[in-house]
């Protein structure tokens, strides 16, 4: 098994967030034993990360800020190569935003973008970062962040935030187009469809029918 194949298997495991790993075909007994050693240690590493993340969630629920901050830092340092490290940063951003600390929330989300082991987690972190920036009055920064998101990731939600940012910059026609794009890409039963329709109504525009 060459380095590329082993790396690909690791990435598959990270994307699956704990799915079982198959060893495949190893060349020679040494290769098999080496892969089994790696699997055992990485499995334990993942379990340790999961246990710490559960403790992080409990600290957040208990409003134990000191413990929460300590666990978030440890997860980011010791388990940054697992999805739990990125999830801890996302949760930390939520807590800091709730405390009114947009700078700390932005910092955590920027770190999450860099640490994310999957494109979906990175896109989610960028979307949340754009929302925090917009709430802090940084509409252009929010637009710049949204522009970095890959096409197809959270398209409807990103379009809504883009519309909000454009509206904050008094670019009403572009905001209208973004909101219509959001409706096109949001599922019919999505709870924020009604919110987007209200935003269009505030602009004096009727929502376009899907497929129109």
N, C-alpha and C. Protein backbone atom coordinates (compact mmCIF):
# COMPACT_ATOMS: atom_id res chain seq x y z
N UNK A 1 0.85 -1.19 0.00
CA UNK A 1 0.00 0.00 0.00
C UNK A 1 0.89 1.24 0.00
N UNK A 2 0.80 2.11 -1.04
CA UNK A 2 1.67 3.27 -1.09
C UNK A 2 1.09 4.41 -0.26
N UNK A 3 1.88 5.50 -0.12
CA UNK A 3 1.48 6.62 0.73
C UNK A 3 0.19 7.27 0.24
N UNK A 4 0.03 7.36 -1.09
CA UNK A 4 -1.17 7.99 -1.63
C UNK A 4 -2.42 7.20 -1.26
N UNK A 5 -2.34 5.86 -1.42
CA UNK A 5 -3.51 5.03 -1.10
C UNK A 5 -3.85 5.11 0.37
N UNK A 6 -2.81 5.07 1.23
CA UNK A 6 -3.07 5.15 2.67
C UNK A 6 -3.69 6.50 3.02
N UNK A 7 -3.17 7.59 2.42
CA UNK A 7 -3.72 8.92 2.69
C UNK A 7 -5.17 9.02 2.25
N UNK A 8 -5.49 8.38 1.12
CA UNK A 8 -6.87 8.43 0.64
C UNK A 8 -7.80 7.71 1.61
N UNK A 9 -7.33 6.58 2.16
CA UNK A 9 -8.16 5.84 3.11
C UNK A 9 -8.37 6.67 4.38
N UNK A 10 -7.34 7.39 4.80
CA UNK A 10 -7.48 8.24 5.99
C UNK A 10 -8.53 9.31 5.73
N UNK A 11 -8.46 9.95 4.56
CA UNK A 11 -9.43 10.99 4.24
C UNK A 11 -10.84 10.43 4.18
N UNK A 12 -10.99 9.22 3.66
CA UNK A 12 -12.32 8.60 3.62
C UNK A 12 -12.85 8.39 5.04
N UNK A 13 -11.98 7.98 5.93
CA UNK A 13 -12.40 7.77 7.33
C UNK A 13 -12.84 9.08 7.96
N UNK A 14 -12.07 10.14 7.71
CA UNK A 14 -12.41 11.44 8.29
C UNK A 14 -13.75 11.93 7.75
N UNK A 15 -13.98 11.76 6.46
CA UNK A 15 -15.26 12.20 5.89
C UNK A 15 -16.42 11.40 6.48
N UNK A 16 -16.20 10.14 6.75
CA UNK A 16 -17.25 9.30 7.32
C UNK A 16 -17.46 9.56 8.79
N UNK A 17 -16.50 10.29 9.44
CA UNK A 17 -16.62 10.65 10.87
C UNK A 17 -16.85 9.42 11.73
N UNK A 18 -15.99 8.50 11.54
CA UNK A 18 -16.04 7.36 12.45
C UNK A 18 -16.48 6.07 11.81
N UNK A 19 -16.71 6.09 10.49
CA UNK A 19 -17.09 4.83 9.84
C UNK A 19 -15.93 3.85 9.92
N UNK A 20 -16.24 2.58 9.83
CA UNK A 20 -15.18 1.56 9.95
C UNK A 20 -14.23 1.66 8.76
N UNK A 21 -12.98 1.26 9.01
CA UNK A 21 -11.93 1.35 7.98
C UNK A 21 -11.57 -0.06 7.52
N UNK A 22 -11.49 -0.25 6.26
CA UNK A 22 -11.03 -1.54 5.74
C UNK A 22 -9.58 -1.43 5.33
N UNK A 23 -8.83 -2.47 5.57
CA UNK A 23 -7.38 -2.40 5.31
C UNK A 23 -7.02 -2.60 3.85
N UNK A 24 -7.90 -3.26 3.10
CA UNK A 24 -7.57 -3.50 1.70
C UNK A 24 -6.49 -4.56 1.58
N UNK A 25 -5.80 -4.50 0.49
CA UNK A 25 -4.75 -5.50 0.23
C UNK A 25 -3.41 -4.89 0.60
N UNK A 26 -2.71 -5.51 1.52
CA UNK A 26 -1.38 -5.04 1.92
C UNK A 26 -0.34 -5.92 1.27
N UNK A 27 0.77 -5.32 0.89
CA UNK A 27 1.86 -6.08 0.27
C UNK A 27 2.82 -6.51 1.36
N UNK A 28 2.74 -7.79 1.70
CA UNK A 28 3.64 -8.33 2.71
C UNK A 28 3.08 -8.19 4.11
N UNK A 29 3.55 -9.05 4.99
CA UNK A 29 3.09 -9.07 6.37
C UNK A 29 3.40 -7.77 7.09
N UNK A 30 4.54 -7.16 6.82
CA UNK A 30 4.91 -5.92 7.49
C UNK A 30 3.91 -4.82 7.17
N UNK A 31 3.48 -4.78 5.91
CA UNK A 31 2.49 -3.78 5.52
C UNK A 31 1.18 -3.98 6.25
N UNK A 32 0.74 -5.24 6.37
CA UNK A 32 -0.52 -5.54 7.06
C UNK A 32 -0.43 -5.13 8.52
N UNK A 33 0.65 -5.53 9.19
CA UNK A 33 0.80 -5.21 10.61
C UNK A 33 0.91 -3.71 10.82
N UNK A 34 1.59 -3.04 9.91
CA UNK A 34 1.72 -1.59 10.04
C UNK A 34 0.38 -0.90 9.92
N UNK A 35 -0.44 -1.35 8.99
CA UNK A 35 -1.78 -0.75 8.83
C UNK A 35 -2.65 -1.06 10.03
N UNK A 36 -2.59 -2.26 10.57
CA UNK A 36 -3.39 -2.61 11.75
C UNK A 36 -2.99 -1.75 12.95
N UNK A 37 -1.69 -1.50 13.08
CA UNK A 37 -1.23 -0.63 14.17
C UNK A 37 -1.81 0.76 14.01
N UNK A 38 -1.76 1.28 12.79
CA UNK A 38 -2.29 2.62 12.53
C UNK A 38 -3.79 2.67 12.83
N UNK A 39 -4.52 1.63 12.37
CA UNK A 39 -5.97 1.60 12.56
C UNK A 39 -6.32 1.61 14.04
N UNK A 40 -5.63 0.80 14.81
CA UNK A 40 -5.91 0.72 16.25
C UNK A 40 -5.68 2.07 16.92
N UNK A 41 -4.57 2.71 16.62
CA UNK A 41 -4.24 3.97 17.27
C UNK A 41 -5.14 5.10 16.82
N UNK A 42 -5.48 5.13 15.53
CA UNK A 42 -6.37 6.17 15.04
C UNK A 42 -7.78 5.96 15.59
N UNK A 43 -8.19 4.70 15.74
CA UNK A 43 -9.51 4.44 16.33
C UNK A 43 -9.59 4.95 17.75
N UNK A 44 -8.54 4.72 18.53
CA UNK A 44 -8.51 5.22 19.90
C UNK A 44 -8.47 6.74 19.92
N UNK A 45 -7.72 7.31 18.99
CA UNK A 45 -7.63 8.77 18.89
C UNK A 45 -9.01 9.37 18.64
N UNK A 46 -9.77 8.73 17.74
CA UNK A 46 -11.11 9.21 17.44
C UNK A 46 -12.02 9.09 18.65
N UNK A 47 -11.93 7.97 19.37
CA UNK A 47 -12.76 7.78 20.56
C UNK A 47 -12.44 8.82 21.62
N UNK A 48 -11.16 9.12 21.79
CA UNK A 48 -10.77 10.14 22.76
C UNK A 48 -11.34 11.51 22.37
N UNK A 49 -11.28 11.80 21.07
CA UNK A 49 -11.81 13.07 20.59
C UNK A 49 -13.32 13.15 20.80
N UNK A 50 -14.02 12.05 20.54
CA UNK A 50 -15.47 12.02 20.72
C UNK A 50 -15.84 12.24 22.19
N UNK A 51 -15.10 11.60 23.09
CA UNK A 51 -15.38 11.75 24.52
C UNK A 51 -15.15 13.18 24.98
N UNK A 52 -14.07 13.80 24.49
CA UNK A 52 -13.79 15.18 24.87
C UNK A 52 -14.84 16.13 24.30
N UNK A 53 -15.29 15.85 23.07
CA UNK A 53 -16.32 16.71 22.48
C UNK A 53 -17.62 16.61 23.27
N UNK A 54 -17.95 15.41 23.75
CA UNK A 54 -19.15 15.24 24.57
C UNK A 54 -19.02 16.07 25.85
N UNK A 55 -17.83 16.09 26.45
CA UNK A 55 -17.60 16.90 27.64
C UNK A 55 -17.73 18.38 27.31
N UNK A 56 -17.27 18.76 26.13
CA UNK A 56 -17.40 20.15 25.68
C UNK A 56 -18.87 20.55 25.59
N UNK A 57 -19.68 19.68 25.00
CA UNK A 57 -21.11 19.96 24.87
C UNK A 57 -21.76 20.11 26.25
N UNK A 58 -21.37 19.26 27.18
CA UNK A 58 -21.94 19.33 28.53
C UNK A 58 -21.54 20.64 29.20
N UNK A 59 -20.29 21.05 29.03
CA UNK A 59 -19.84 22.31 29.62
C UNK A 59 -20.63 23.49 29.04
N UNK A 60 -20.92 23.42 27.75
CA UNK A 60 -21.72 24.48 27.12
C UNK A 60 -23.13 24.50 27.69
N UNK A 61 -23.73 23.32 27.82
CA UNK A 61 -25.08 23.23 28.37
C UNK A 61 -25.14 23.71 29.81
N UNK A 62 -24.05 23.45 30.56
CA UNK A 62 -23.99 23.85 31.97
C UNK A 62 -23.55 25.30 32.15
N UNK A 63 -23.27 25.98 31.04
CA UNK A 63 -22.78 27.37 31.09
C UNK A 63 -21.47 27.48 31.86
N UNK A 64 -20.67 26.43 31.80
CA UNK A 64 -19.36 26.42 32.47
C UNK A 64 -18.33 26.94 31.46
N UNK A 65 -18.19 28.26 31.41
CA UNK A 65 -17.38 28.89 30.37
C UNK A 65 -15.91 28.50 30.47
N UNK A 66 -15.38 28.47 31.70
CA UNK A 66 -13.96 28.16 31.87
C UNK A 66 -13.64 26.76 31.35
N UNK A 67 -14.47 25.77 31.73
CA UNK A 67 -14.24 24.40 31.27
C UNK A 67 -14.44 24.30 29.77
N UNK A 68 -15.45 24.99 29.27
CA UNK A 68 -15.72 24.97 27.83
C UNK A 68 -14.51 25.49 27.06
N UNK A 69 -13.98 26.64 27.46
CA UNK A 69 -12.85 27.22 26.75
C UNK A 69 -11.62 26.32 26.81
N UNK A 70 -11.41 25.67 27.96
CA UNK A 70 -10.27 24.77 28.11
C UNK A 70 -10.40 23.57 27.18
N UNK A 71 -11.59 22.96 27.16
CA UNK A 71 -11.80 21.79 26.31
C UNK A 71 -11.74 22.15 24.83
N UNK A 72 -12.26 23.31 24.48
CA UNK A 72 -12.21 23.75 23.08
C UNK A 72 -10.76 23.91 22.63
N UNK A 73 -9.94 24.48 23.51
CA UNK A 73 -8.52 24.65 23.18
C UNK A 73 -7.82 23.30 23.04
N UNK A 74 -8.13 22.37 23.93
CA UNK A 74 -7.50 21.05 23.88
C UNK A 74 -7.92 20.28 22.63
N UNK A 75 -9.20 20.37 22.29
CA UNK A 75 -9.66 19.69 21.08
C UNK A 75 -8.98 20.26 19.85
N UNK A 76 -8.84 21.59 19.82
CA UNK A 76 -8.20 22.23 18.69
C UNK A 76 -6.73 21.87 18.57
N UNK A 77 -6.07 21.66 19.70
CA UNK A 77 -4.64 21.35 19.69
C UNK A 77 -4.37 19.86 19.45
N UNK A 78 -5.07 19.01 20.20
CA UNK A 78 -4.77 17.58 20.20
C UNK A 78 -5.50 16.79 19.12
N UNK A 79 -6.64 17.30 18.68
CA UNK A 79 -7.47 16.52 17.76
C UNK A 79 -7.84 17.33 16.51
N UNK A 80 -6.96 18.23 16.12
CA UNK A 80 -7.26 19.08 14.96
C UNK A 80 -7.34 18.28 13.67
N UNK A 81 -6.79 17.06 13.68
CA UNK A 81 -6.84 16.22 12.48
C UNK A 81 -8.08 15.32 12.45
N UNK A 82 -9.05 15.60 13.30
CA UNK A 82 -10.32 14.88 13.29
C UNK A 82 -11.46 15.88 13.11
N UNK A 83 -12.62 15.43 12.65
CA UNK A 83 -13.76 16.34 12.53
C UNK A 83 -14.15 16.97 13.86
N UNK A 84 -13.85 16.30 14.96
CA UNK A 84 -14.22 16.85 16.27
C UNK A 84 -13.49 18.15 16.56
N UNK A 85 -12.26 18.28 16.07
CA UNK A 85 -11.54 19.53 16.26
C UNK A 85 -12.24 20.69 15.58
N UNK A 86 -12.69 20.46 14.35
CA UNK A 86 -13.42 21.49 13.61
C UNK A 86 -14.77 21.77 14.26
N UNK A 87 -15.47 20.71 14.67
CA UNK A 87 -16.77 20.89 15.31
C UNK A 87 -16.65 21.67 16.61
N UNK A 88 -15.54 21.47 17.33
CA UNK A 88 -15.32 22.23 18.56
C UNK A 88 -15.16 23.71 18.26
N UNK A 89 -14.46 24.03 17.17
CA UNK A 89 -14.30 25.43 16.78
C UNK A 89 -15.64 26.04 16.37
N UNK A 90 -16.47 25.27 15.68
CA UNK A 90 -17.79 25.77 15.30
C UNK A 90 -18.65 26.02 16.53
N UNK A 91 -18.58 25.11 17.50
CA UNK A 91 -19.35 25.29 18.73
C UNK A 91 -18.81 26.48 19.53
N UNK A 92 -17.49 26.62 19.54
CA UNK A 92 -16.88 27.75 20.24
C UNK A 92 -17.34 29.07 19.62
N UNK A 93 -17.42 29.11 18.30
CA UNK A 93 -17.89 30.32 17.62
C UNK A 93 -19.31 30.66 18.03
N UNK A 94 -20.17 29.64 18.14
CA UNK A 94 -21.55 29.87 18.56
C UNK A 94 -21.61 30.46 19.96
N UNK A 95 -20.80 29.91 20.86
CA UNK A 95 -20.78 30.39 22.23
C UNK A 95 -20.29 31.84 22.29
N UNK A 96 -19.23 32.14 21.58
CA UNK A 96 -18.68 33.49 21.59
C UNK A 96 -19.64 34.49 20.96
N UNK A 97 -20.32 34.06 19.91
CA UNK A 97 -21.31 34.93 19.28
C UNK A 97 -22.45 35.22 20.25
N UNK A 98 -22.87 34.18 20.98
CA UNK A 98 -23.93 34.36 21.97
C UNK A 98 -23.52 35.30 23.10
N UNK A 99 -22.22 35.36 23.36
CA UNK A 99 -21.70 36.26 24.39
C UNK A 99 -21.45 37.66 23.85
N UNK A 100 -21.73 37.86 22.56
CA UNK A 100 -21.53 39.17 21.95
C UNK A 100 -20.10 39.45 21.55
N UNK A 101 -19.26 38.43 21.52
CA UNK A 101 -17.85 38.60 21.16
C UNK A 101 -17.66 38.18 19.71
N UNK A 102 -17.98 39.08 18.79
CA UNK A 102 -17.91 38.73 17.37
C UNK A 102 -16.47 38.51 16.91
N UNK A 103 -15.52 39.20 17.53
CA UNK A 103 -14.11 39.02 17.15
C UNK A 103 -13.64 37.61 17.46
N UNK A 104 -13.98 37.11 18.66
CA UNK A 104 -13.60 35.75 19.04
C UNK A 104 -14.33 34.73 18.18
N UNK A 105 -15.60 35.00 17.86
CA UNK A 105 -16.36 34.09 17.01
C UNK A 105 -15.73 34.01 15.62
N UNK A 106 -15.35 35.16 15.07
CA UNK A 106 -14.71 35.18 13.76
C UNK A 106 -13.39 34.42 13.78
N UNK A 107 -12.62 34.61 14.84
CA UNK A 107 -11.33 33.93 14.96
C UNK A 107 -11.52 32.41 14.96
N UNK A 108 -12.50 31.93 15.72
CA UNK A 108 -12.76 30.49 15.77
C UNK A 108 -13.19 29.96 14.41
N UNK A 109 -14.01 30.73 13.70
CA UNK A 109 -14.50 30.27 12.40
C UNK A 109 -13.39 30.29 11.34
N UNK A 110 -12.51 31.27 11.41
CA UNK A 110 -11.37 31.29 10.49
C UNK A 110 -10.49 30.07 10.72
N UNK A 111 -10.27 29.73 11.99
CA UNK A 111 -9.49 28.54 12.31
C UNK A 111 -10.21 27.28 11.83
N UNK A 112 -11.54 27.27 11.93
CA UNK A 112 -12.31 26.11 11.49
C UNK A 112 -12.18 25.91 9.98
N UNK A 113 -12.18 27.00 9.23
CA UNK A 113 -12.00 26.90 7.78
C UNK A 113 -10.68 26.22 7.45
N UNK A 114 -9.62 26.62 8.15
CA UNK A 114 -8.30 26.06 7.90
C UNK A 114 -8.14 24.64 8.38
N UNK A 115 -8.88 24.28 9.44
CA UNK A 115 -8.71 22.96 10.04
C UNK A 115 -9.65 21.91 9.46
N UNK A 116 -10.69 22.33 8.76
CA UNK A 116 -11.72 21.41 8.28
C UNK A 116 -11.13 20.30 7.43
N UNK A 117 -11.53 19.07 7.73
CA UNK A 117 -11.05 17.90 6.99
C UNK A 117 -11.94 17.56 5.81
N UNK A 118 -13.05 18.26 5.66
CA UNK A 118 -13.94 18.00 4.54
C UNK A 118 -14.40 19.33 3.95
N UNK A 119 -14.65 19.39 2.64
CA UNK A 119 -15.13 20.62 2.01
C UNK A 119 -16.45 21.10 2.61
N UNK A 120 -17.32 20.17 3.01
CA UNK A 120 -18.61 20.57 3.56
C UNK A 120 -18.45 21.33 4.88
N UNK A 121 -17.56 20.84 5.75
CA UNK A 121 -17.32 21.54 7.02
C UNK A 121 -16.68 22.90 6.78
N UNK A 122 -15.77 22.97 5.82
CA UNK A 122 -15.13 24.25 5.50
C UNK A 122 -16.16 25.24 4.97
N UNK A 123 -17.07 24.76 4.12
CA UNK A 123 -18.11 25.63 3.57
C UNK A 123 -19.04 26.12 4.67
N UNK A 124 -19.40 25.23 5.59
CA UNK A 124 -20.26 25.63 6.70
C UNK A 124 -19.58 26.70 7.55
N UNK A 125 -18.29 26.53 7.80
CA UNK A 125 -17.55 27.52 8.59
C UNK A 125 -17.52 28.87 7.87
N UNK A 126 -17.33 28.85 6.56
CA UNK A 126 -17.32 30.10 5.79
C UNK A 126 -18.69 30.78 5.84
N UNK A 127 -19.75 29.99 5.71
CA UNK A 127 -21.10 30.55 5.76
C UNK A 127 -21.35 31.21 7.11
N UNK A 128 -20.98 30.54 8.17
CA UNK A 128 -21.17 31.09 9.51
C UNK A 128 -20.30 32.33 9.72
N UNK A 129 -19.09 32.31 9.17
CA UNK A 129 -18.21 33.47 9.29
C UNK A 129 -18.82 34.68 8.59
N UNK A 130 -19.40 34.46 7.42
CA UNK A 130 -20.05 35.55 6.69
C UNK A 130 -21.19 36.14 7.51
N UNK A 131 -21.95 35.29 8.17
CA UNK A 131 -23.05 35.78 9.00
C UNK A 131 -22.54 36.62 10.16
N UNK A 132 -21.47 36.17 10.80
CA UNK A 132 -20.89 36.92 11.92
C UNK A 132 -20.36 38.26 11.43
N UNK A 133 -19.68 38.26 10.29
CA UNK A 133 -19.16 39.50 9.74
C UNK A 133 -20.28 40.47 9.40
N UNK A 134 -21.35 39.96 8.83
CA UNK A 134 -22.48 40.81 8.48
C UNK A 134 -23.11 41.42 9.73
N UNK A 135 -23.27 40.60 10.77
CA UNK A 135 -23.85 41.09 12.02
C UNK A 135 -22.97 42.15 12.66
N UNK A 136 -21.66 42.08 12.39
CA UNK A 136 -20.72 43.06 12.94
C UNK A 136 -20.60 44.30 12.05
N UNK A 137 -21.43 44.37 11.01
CA UNK A 137 -21.41 45.53 10.13
C UNK A 137 -20.38 45.46 9.02
N UNK A 138 -19.83 44.27 8.78
CA UNK A 138 -18.80 44.10 7.75
C UNK A 138 -19.41 43.40 6.53
N UNK A 139 -20.30 44.12 5.85
CA UNK A 139 -21.04 43.52 4.74
C UNK A 139 -20.13 43.11 3.59
N UNK A 140 -19.16 43.94 3.25
CA UNK A 140 -18.27 43.59 2.14
C UNK A 140 -17.41 42.39 2.48
N UNK A 141 -16.94 42.31 3.72
CA UNK A 141 -16.16 41.15 4.14
C UNK A 141 -17.00 39.88 4.04
N UNK A 142 -18.29 39.99 4.38
CA UNK A 142 -19.19 38.85 4.27
C UNK A 142 -19.33 38.40 2.82
N UNK A 143 -19.48 39.36 1.92
CA UNK A 143 -19.57 39.02 0.49
C UNK A 143 -18.29 38.35 0.01
N UNK A 144 -17.16 38.86 0.44
CA UNK A 144 -15.88 38.28 0.03
C UNK A 144 -15.76 36.83 0.52
N UNK A 145 -16.24 36.58 1.73
CA UNK A 145 -16.16 35.22 2.29
C UNK A 145 -17.09 34.28 1.54
N UNK A 146 -18.29 34.74 1.23
CA UNK A 146 -19.25 33.91 0.50
C UNK A 146 -18.73 33.56 -0.89
N UNK A 147 -17.96 34.47 -1.48
CA UNK A 147 -17.42 34.23 -2.82
C UNK A 147 -16.42 33.08 -2.84
N UNK A 148 -15.89 32.73 -1.68
CA UNK A 148 -14.90 31.65 -1.59
C UNK A 148 -15.56 30.28 -1.43
N UNK A 149 -16.88 30.26 -1.22
CA UNK A 149 -17.57 28.98 -1.04
C UNK A 149 -17.72 28.25 -2.36
N UNK A 150 -17.45 26.95 -2.40
CA UNK A 150 -17.63 26.18 -3.63
C UNK A 150 -19.09 26.15 -4.04
N UNK A 151 -19.32 26.14 -5.34
CA UNK A 151 -20.69 26.05 -5.85
C UNK A 151 -21.32 24.75 -5.38
N UNK A 152 -22.57 24.83 -4.97
CA UNK A 152 -23.29 23.63 -4.57
C UNK A 152 -23.31 23.38 -3.08
N UNK A 153 -22.49 24.09 -2.31
CA UNK A 153 -22.47 23.90 -0.86
C UNK A 153 -23.34 24.96 -0.19
N UNK A 154 -24.43 24.52 0.42
CA UNK A 154 -25.33 25.42 1.14
C UNK A 154 -25.75 26.59 0.24
N UNK A 155 -26.09 26.28 -1.01
CA UNK A 155 -26.34 27.33 -2.00
C UNK A 155 -27.46 28.27 -1.59
N UNK A 156 -28.59 27.71 -1.15
CA UNK A 156 -29.72 28.54 -0.78
C UNK A 156 -29.42 29.43 0.41
N UNK A 157 -28.80 28.86 1.44
CA UNK A 157 -28.48 29.63 2.64
C UNK A 157 -27.46 30.72 2.32
N UNK A 158 -26.47 30.38 1.50
CA UNK A 158 -25.45 31.37 1.13
C UNK A 158 -26.07 32.51 0.33
N UNK A 159 -27.02 32.19 -0.54
CA UNK A 159 -27.67 33.22 -1.34
C UNK A 159 -28.47 34.17 -0.46
N UNK A 160 -29.10 33.65 0.58
CA UNK A 160 -29.85 34.52 1.49
C UNK A 160 -28.91 35.49 2.21
N UNK A 161 -27.79 34.98 2.72
CA UNK A 161 -26.83 35.85 3.41
C UNK A 161 -26.24 36.86 2.43
N UNK A 162 -26.01 36.43 1.19
CA UNK A 162 -25.51 37.35 0.18
C UNK A 162 -26.51 38.48 -0.05
N UNK A 163 -27.78 38.12 -0.10
CA UNK A 163 -28.81 39.14 -0.26
C UNK A 163 -28.81 40.13 0.90
N UNK A 164 -28.66 39.62 2.12
CA UNK A 164 -28.62 40.50 3.29
C UNK A 164 -27.43 41.46 3.21
N UNK A 165 -26.28 40.93 2.79
CA UNK A 165 -25.08 41.77 2.69
C UNK A 165 -25.24 42.83 1.60
N UNK A 166 -25.78 42.43 0.47
CA UNK A 166 -26.00 43.38 -0.62
C UNK A 166 -26.99 44.46 -0.21
N UNK A 167 -28.02 44.07 0.51
CA UNK A 167 -29.00 45.05 0.97
C UNK A 167 -28.36 46.03 1.95
N UNK A 168 -27.47 45.52 2.81
CA UNK A 168 -26.77 46.39 3.76
C UNK A 168 -25.90 47.41 3.03
N UNK A 169 -25.45 47.05 1.83
CA UNK A 169 -24.64 47.96 1.01
C UNK A 169 -25.50 48.79 0.06
N UNK A 170 -26.83 48.70 0.24
CA UNK A 170 -27.80 49.45 -0.56
C UNK A 170 -27.75 49.06 -2.03
N UNK A 171 -27.42 47.81 -2.30
CA UNK A 171 -27.42 47.29 -3.67
C UNK A 171 -28.70 46.45 -3.82
N UNK A 172 -29.82 47.16 -3.90
CA UNK A 172 -31.14 46.53 -3.78
C UNK A 172 -31.45 45.57 -4.92
N UNK A 173 -31.11 45.95 -6.14
CA UNK A 173 -31.42 45.06 -7.26
C UNK A 173 -30.65 43.74 -7.15
N UNK A 174 -29.39 43.83 -6.74
CA UNK A 174 -28.59 42.62 -6.57
C UNK A 174 -29.09 41.80 -5.38
N UNK A 175 -29.56 42.50 -4.35
CA UNK A 175 -30.11 41.79 -3.19
C UNK A 175 -31.36 41.02 -3.60
N UNK A 176 -32.20 41.65 -4.40
CA UNK A 176 -33.42 40.98 -4.88
C UNK A 176 -33.06 39.71 -5.65
N UNK A 177 -32.07 39.81 -6.54
CA UNK A 177 -31.66 38.65 -7.32
C UNK A 177 -31.12 37.54 -6.42
N UNK A 178 -30.39 37.93 -5.38
CA UNK A 178 -29.84 36.94 -4.46
C UNK A 178 -30.95 36.23 -3.69
N UNK A 179 -31.95 36.99 -3.26
CA UNK A 179 -33.07 36.38 -2.54
C UNK A 179 -33.86 35.43 -3.45
N UNK A 180 -34.05 35.83 -4.70
CA UNK A 180 -34.74 34.94 -5.64
C UNK A 180 -33.91 33.67 -5.85
N UNK A 181 -32.60 33.82 -5.91
CA UNK A 181 -31.71 32.66 -6.04
C UNK A 181 -31.83 31.75 -4.82
N UNK A 182 -31.96 32.38 -3.66
CA UNK A 182 -32.13 31.59 -2.43
C UNK A 182 -33.39 30.75 -2.50
N UNK A 183 -34.48 31.35 -2.94
CA UNK A 183 -35.74 30.60 -3.04
C UNK A 183 -35.64 29.47 -4.05
N UNK A 184 -34.90 29.70 -5.11
CA UNK A 184 -34.72 28.66 -6.13
C UNK A 184 -34.01 27.44 -5.57
N UNK A 185 -33.08 27.69 -4.65
CA UNK A 185 -32.22 26.61 -4.16
C UNK A 185 -32.64 26.04 -2.81
N UNK A 186 -33.51 26.74 -2.09
CA UNK A 186 -33.99 26.21 -0.82
C UNK A 186 -35.09 25.18 -1.07
N UNK A 187 -35.12 24.14 -0.27
CA UNK A 187 -36.17 23.13 -0.42
C UNK A 187 -37.52 23.74 -0.08
N UNK A 188 -38.56 23.16 -0.64
CA UNK A 188 -39.90 23.70 -0.48
C UNK A 188 -40.29 23.83 0.99
N UNK A 189 -39.92 22.86 1.80
CA UNK A 189 -40.31 22.89 3.21
C UNK A 189 -39.31 23.58 4.12
N UNK A 190 -38.28 24.19 3.56
CA UNK A 190 -37.26 24.84 4.39
C UNK A 190 -37.88 25.97 5.21
N UNK A 191 -37.64 26.01 6.52
CA UNK A 191 -38.27 27.02 7.37
C UNK A 191 -37.91 28.45 7.01
N UNK A 192 -36.72 28.67 6.43
CA UNK A 192 -36.34 30.05 6.14
C UNK A 192 -36.84 30.54 4.78
N UNK A 193 -37.57 29.70 4.04
CA UNK A 193 -38.18 30.18 2.80
C UNK A 193 -39.13 31.34 3.09
N UNK A 194 -39.93 31.20 4.14
CA UNK A 194 -40.87 32.27 4.49
C UNK A 194 -40.14 33.55 4.83
N UNK A 195 -39.01 33.42 5.52
CA UNK A 195 -38.22 34.60 5.87
C UNK A 195 -37.71 35.30 4.62
N UNK A 196 -37.22 34.52 3.66
CA UNK A 196 -36.72 35.11 2.41
C UNK A 196 -37.86 35.78 1.65
N UNK A 197 -39.02 35.16 1.64
CA UNK A 197 -40.17 35.76 0.97
C UNK A 197 -40.55 37.09 1.62
N UNK A 198 -40.44 37.16 2.94
CA UNK A 198 -40.72 38.41 3.65
C UNK A 198 -39.69 39.48 3.29
N UNK A 199 -38.46 39.08 3.13
CA UNK A 199 -37.42 40.04 2.74
C UNK A 199 -37.70 40.59 1.34
N UNK A 200 -38.15 39.74 0.44
CA UNK A 200 -38.52 40.21 -0.89
C UNK A 200 -39.72 41.14 -0.82
N UNK A 201 -40.69 40.79 0.02
CA UNK A 201 -41.86 41.65 0.17
C UNK A 201 -41.47 43.03 0.68
N UNK A 202 -40.50 43.07 1.59
CA UNK A 202 -40.03 44.36 2.10
C UNK A 202 -39.40 45.20 0.99
N UNK A 203 -38.89 44.52 -0.04
CA UNK A 203 -38.33 45.23 -1.19
C UNK A 203 -39.40 45.58 -2.22
N UNK A 204 -40.64 45.17 -1.93
CA UNK A 204 -41.73 45.42 -2.86
C UNK A 204 -41.73 44.49 -4.04
N UNK A 205 -41.20 43.28 -3.81
CA UNK A 205 -41.08 42.31 -4.90
C UNK A 205 -41.79 41.02 -4.50
N UNK A 206 -42.49 40.43 -5.45
CA UNK A 206 -43.13 39.14 -5.20
C UNK A 206 -42.13 38.03 -5.47
N UNK A 207 -42.20 36.98 -4.68
CA UNK A 207 -41.31 35.84 -4.88
C UNK A 207 -41.64 35.14 -6.19
N UNK A 208 -40.62 34.77 -6.94
CA UNK A 208 -40.82 34.03 -8.19
C UNK A 208 -41.25 32.61 -7.87
N UNK A 209 -42.13 32.07 -8.66
CA UNK A 209 -42.54 30.68 -8.49
C UNK A 209 -41.40 29.77 -8.91
N UNK A 210 -41.18 28.63 -8.21
CA UNK A 210 -40.13 27.70 -8.62
C UNK A 210 -40.31 27.28 -10.06
N UNK A 211 -39.20 27.34 -10.81
CA UNK A 211 -39.24 26.94 -12.21
C UNK A 211 -39.72 28.01 -13.15
N UNK A 212 -40.10 29.20 -12.57
CA UNK A 212 -40.59 30.27 -13.42
C UNK A 212 -39.45 30.94 -14.16
